[in-house]
Every structure is written in C-alpha cells, then in structure tokens.
N, C-alpha and C. Protein backbone atom coordinates (compact mmCIF):
# COMPACT_ATOMS: atom_id res chain seq x y z
N UNK A 1 116.93 -94.57 -65.79
CA UNK A 1 116.39 -93.91 -64.55
C UNK A 1 116.28 -94.89 -63.40
N UNK A 2 116.55 -94.55 -62.36
CA UNK A 2 116.43 -95.31 -60.99
C UNK A 2 116.17 -94.52 -59.93
N UNK A 3 115.32 -95.07 -58.95
CA UNK A 3 114.78 -94.28 -57.67
C UNK A 3 115.77 -94.75 -56.66
N UNK A 4 116.05 -93.49 -55.71
CA UNK A 4 116.73 -93.80 -54.45
C UNK A 4 115.78 -93.35 -53.54
N UNK A 5 115.72 -93.87 -52.04
CA UNK A 5 115.08 -93.70 -51.25
C UNK A 5 115.89 -92.59 -50.12
N UNK A 6 115.45 -91.49 -49.77
CA UNK A 6 116.36 -90.59 -49.02
C UNK A 6 115.90 -90.74 -47.68
N UNK A 7 116.49 -90.48 -46.59
CA UNK A 7 116.44 -90.76 -45.00
C UNK A 7 114.98 -90.32 -44.64
N UNK A 8 114.12 -89.34 -45.33
CA UNK A 8 112.93 -88.73 -45.15
C UNK A 8 111.79 -89.72 -45.79
N UNK A 9 112.51 -90.74 -46.28
CA UNK A 9 111.38 -91.60 -46.92
C UNK A 9 110.94 -91.12 -48.67
N UNK A 10 111.75 -90.29 -49.08
CA UNK A 10 111.25 -89.79 -50.20
C UNK A 10 111.86 -90.18 -51.27
N UNK A 11 111.02 -90.96 -52.07
CA UNK A 11 111.66 -91.36 -53.64
C UNK A 11 112.09 -90.36 -54.49
N UNK A 12 113.35 -90.35 -55.03
CA UNK A 12 113.99 -89.42 -55.91
C UNK A 12 114.50 -89.93 -57.08
N UNK A 13 114.28 -89.43 -58.37
CA UNK A 13 114.73 -90.08 -59.66
C UNK A 13 116.20 -89.74 -59.72
N UNK A 14 116.86 -90.80 -60.37
CA UNK A 14 118.25 -90.45 -60.67
C UNK A 14 118.54 -90.52 -62.14
N UNK A 15 119.18 -89.79 -62.97
CA UNK A 15 119.52 -90.06 -64.19
C UNK A 15 120.76 -90.97 -64.52
N UNK A 16 120.92 -91.36 -65.43
CA UNK A 16 122.14 -92.22 -65.81
C UNK A 16 123.59 -91.91 -65.28
N UNK A 17 123.69 -90.61 -65.42
CA UNK A 17 125.10 -89.91 -65.13
C UNK A 17 125.10 -90.03 -63.38
N UNK A 18 124.12 -89.56 -62.84
CA UNK A 18 123.84 -89.65 -61.10
C UNK A 18 124.17 -90.92 -60.61
N UNK A 19 123.39 -91.80 -61.39
CA UNK A 19 123.61 -92.95 -60.60
C UNK A 19 125.17 -93.76 -60.91
N UNK A 20 125.71 -93.72 -61.96
CA UNK A 20 127.02 -94.08 -62.48
C UNK A 20 127.92 -93.66 -61.09
N UNK A 21 127.49 -91.97 -60.78
CA UNK A 21 128.60 -91.15 -60.09
C UNK A 21 128.28 -91.89 -58.62
N UNK A 22 127.19 -92.21 -58.22
CA UNK A 22 127.16 -92.75 -57.11
C UNK A 22 127.50 -94.71 -56.84
N UNK A 23 127.39 -94.85 -57.99
CA UNK A 23 128.27 -96.17 -58.08
C UNK A 23 129.62 -96.43 -58.16
N UNK A 24 130.29 -95.46 -58.71
CA UNK A 24 131.66 -95.37 -58.74
C UNK A 24 132.13 -94.85 -57.48
N UNK A 25 131.54 -94.10 -56.82
CA UNK A 25 132.07 -93.34 -55.49
C UNK A 25 131.55 -93.82 -54.35
N UNK A 26 130.36 -94.30 -54.18
CA UNK A 26 130.07 -94.61 -52.80
C UNK A 26 129.75 -96.23 -52.72
N UNK A 27 130.28 -97.21 -53.47
CA UNK A 27 130.09 -98.36 -53.14
C UNK A 27 131.25 -99.19 -51.88
N UNK A 28 132.41 -98.66 -51.91
CA UNK A 28 133.49 -99.02 -50.91
C UNK A 28 133.65 -97.81 -49.94
N UNK A 29 133.25 -96.46 -49.94
CA UNK A 29 133.35 -95.55 -48.77
C UNK A 29 132.33 -94.92 -48.67
N UNK A 30 132.17 -94.44 -47.47
CA UNK A 30 130.90 -93.48 -47.01
C UNK A 30 131.16 -92.01 -47.51
N UNK A 31 132.49 -91.71 -47.09
CA UNK A 31 132.78 -90.27 -47.39
C UNK A 31 133.79 -89.92 -48.71
N UNK A 32 133.25 -88.56 -49.08
CA UNK A 32 133.68 -88.39 -50.48
C UNK A 32 134.54 -87.05 -50.15
N UNK A 33 135.60 -86.78 -50.64
CA UNK A 33 136.47 -85.37 -50.34
C UNK A 33 135.86 -84.67 -51.79
N UNK A 34 135.92 -83.31 -51.72
CA UNK A 34 135.44 -82.89 -53.01
C UNK A 34 137.06 -82.53 -53.73
N UNK A 35 138.02 -82.59 -53.32
CA UNK A 35 139.31 -82.51 -53.66
C UNK A 35 139.69 -83.72 -54.76
N UNK A 36 139.08 -84.53 -54.61
CA UNK A 36 138.87 -85.88 -55.28
C UNK A 36 138.46 -85.89 -56.58
N UNK A 37 137.60 -84.67 -56.40
CA UNK A 37 136.47 -84.67 -57.72
C UNK A 37 136.99 -83.77 -59.14
N UNK A 38 136.77 -84.14 -59.99
CA UNK A 38 137.08 -83.26 -61.18
C UNK A 38 136.08 -82.26 -61.21
N UNK A 39 136.03 -81.34 -62.33
CA UNK A 39 134.80 -80.06 -62.17
C UNK A 39 133.35 -80.77 -62.41
N UNK A 40 133.50 -81.75 -63.47
CA UNK A 40 132.10 -82.48 -63.66
C UNK A 40 131.54 -83.26 -62.73
N UNK A 41 132.57 -83.94 -61.68
CA UNK A 41 131.90 -84.88 -60.82
C UNK A 41 131.25 -83.96 -59.68
N UNK A 42 132.10 -82.58 -59.79
CA UNK A 42 131.90 -81.63 -58.50
C UNK A 42 130.21 -81.12 -58.76
N UNK A 43 130.23 -80.97 -59.99
CA UNK A 43 128.56 -80.39 -60.54
C UNK A 43 127.73 -81.45 -60.33
N UNK A 44 127.99 -82.71 -60.67
CA UNK A 44 126.86 -83.66 -60.32
C UNK A 44 126.83 -84.17 -59.03
N UNK A 45 127.67 -83.84 -58.15
CA UNK A 45 127.65 -83.83 -56.55
C UNK A 45 126.72 -82.78 -56.13
N UNK A 46 127.09 -81.61 -56.61
CA UNK A 46 126.43 -80.46 -56.03
C UNK A 46 124.87 -80.78 -56.54
N UNK A 47 124.65 -81.37 -57.67
CA UNK A 47 123.07 -81.35 -58.10
C UNK A 47 122.34 -82.49 -57.20
N UNK A 48 123.07 -83.38 -56.71
CA UNK A 48 122.66 -84.60 -55.83
C UNK A 48 122.54 -83.95 -54.71
N UNK A 49 123.23 -82.80 -54.04
CA UNK A 49 123.04 -82.24 -52.79
C UNK A 49 121.64 -81.51 -52.77
N UNK A 50 121.33 -80.91 -53.94
CA UNK A 50 120.37 -79.98 -54.50
C UNK A 50 118.78 -80.90 -54.26
N UNK A 51 119.02 -82.23 -54.96
CA UNK A 51 117.72 -83.09 -54.69
C UNK A 51 117.95 -83.63 -53.49
N UNK A 52 118.59 -83.76 -52.59
CA UNK A 52 118.70 -84.19 -51.35
C UNK A 52 119.17 -85.66 -51.13
N UNK A 53 119.97 -86.04 -52.18
CA UNK A 53 120.60 -87.66 -52.41
C UNK A 53 121.81 -87.75 -51.35
N UNK A 54 122.56 -86.28 -51.34
CA UNK A 54 123.73 -86.28 -51.00
C UNK A 54 123.75 -85.37 -49.79
N UNK A 55 124.62 -85.43 -48.69
CA UNK A 55 124.60 -84.37 -47.77
C UNK A 55 126.06 -83.64 -47.86
N UNK A 56 126.14 -82.40 -47.81
CA UNK A 56 127.60 -81.62 -48.08
C UNK A 56 127.81 -81.15 -46.56
N UNK A 57 129.13 -81.50 -46.48
CA UNK A 57 129.62 -81.25 -45.01
C UNK A 57 130.89 -80.09 -45.24
N UNK A 58 131.23 -79.17 -44.43
CA UNK A 58 132.26 -78.34 -44.84
C UNK A 58 132.80 -77.97 -43.23
N UNK A 59 134.11 -78.34 -43.57
CA UNK A 59 134.61 -78.35 -41.81
C UNK A 59 136.36 -77.87 -42.42
N UNK A 60 136.87 -76.89 -41.90
CA UNK A 60 138.15 -76.46 -42.07
C UNK A 60 138.28 -76.58 -43.73
N UNK A 61 137.52 -75.51 -44.15
CA UNK A 61 137.68 -75.41 -45.61
C UNK A 61 137.85 -76.70 -46.70
N UNK A 62 137.49 -77.74 -45.87
CA UNK A 62 137.43 -78.78 -46.81
C UNK A 62 135.79 -79.40 -47.12
N UNK A 63 135.55 -79.68 -48.22
CA UNK A 63 134.21 -79.92 -48.58
C UNK A 63 134.19 -81.62 -48.80
N UNK A 64 133.14 -82.07 -48.16
CA UNK A 64 132.98 -83.64 -48.21
C UNK A 64 131.40 -84.01 -48.36
N UNK A 65 131.36 -85.19 -48.87
CA UNK A 65 129.88 -85.53 -49.50
C UNK A 65 129.64 -86.62 -48.53
N UNK A 66 128.32 -87.05 -48.55
CA UNK A 66 128.08 -88.61 -47.92
C UNK A 66 126.53 -88.59 -48.41
N UNK A 67 126.19 -89.91 -48.60
CA UNK A 67 124.94 -90.31 -48.72
C UNK A 67 123.93 -90.09 -47.85
N UNK A 68 122.84 -89.65 -48.25
CA UNK A 68 121.56 -89.22 -47.44
C UNK A 68 120.63 -90.09 -47.97
N UNK A 69 120.66 -91.31 -47.62
CA UNK A 69 119.71 -92.58 -47.90
C UNK A 69 119.29 -93.31 -46.74
N UNK A 70 118.21 -93.63 -47.03
CA UNK A 70 117.40 -94.53 -46.15
C UNK A 70 117.88 -96.14 -45.97
N UNK A 71 118.63 -96.39 -45.01
CA UNK A 71 119.47 -97.66 -45.12
C UNK A 71 118.61 -98.88 -45.15
N UNK A 72 117.44 -98.79 -44.73
CA UNK A 72 116.62 -99.85 -44.74
C UNK A 72 116.07 -99.98 -46.25
N UNK A 73 115.97 -99.19 -46.88
CA UNK A 73 115.68 -99.31 -48.16
C UNK A 73 116.57 -99.53 -49.38
N UNK A 74 117.89 -99.41 -49.12
CA UNK A 74 118.87 -99.65 -49.92
C UNK A 74 119.24 -101.02 -50.37
C-alpha cells in the first residue's frame, strides 16, 4: 500500500495494482489516452478517478486521464 497526496491535500491509499498502473503510465507523460488502454487498465483508471487520484477529460469523443496530485508532495 502506498499513499498519494491529491491537489486538495488529501492523502489517498493506493493498492499494489493501482500503484503499478501509475508508475507504468505516468512516469514519462502527463496525459494518457483511453484508446491506449486495455479493459483492465481502463477499469483501474476509472477507479482512480473515483478516488480522486486521476482527472478524466472528455473532448471530441476522446477520453484522457491525467494525474490529480499535489506537485509539492510528489
């Protein structure tokens, strides 16, 4: 288990799968397109949106995700 601090300063717990998802997809880039995800990764991303760890943006029928973290605490 790991904690991550969101923009509001709230600590949120992540399980091992969620932590691995963030490490794999958000170390090198800020924006992640849903079209690049498989069904399992899409489900994990939606759970992270529910927890407030990711922001979900929809524009032109394309869904993308970006981290909603406090940059000072990262």
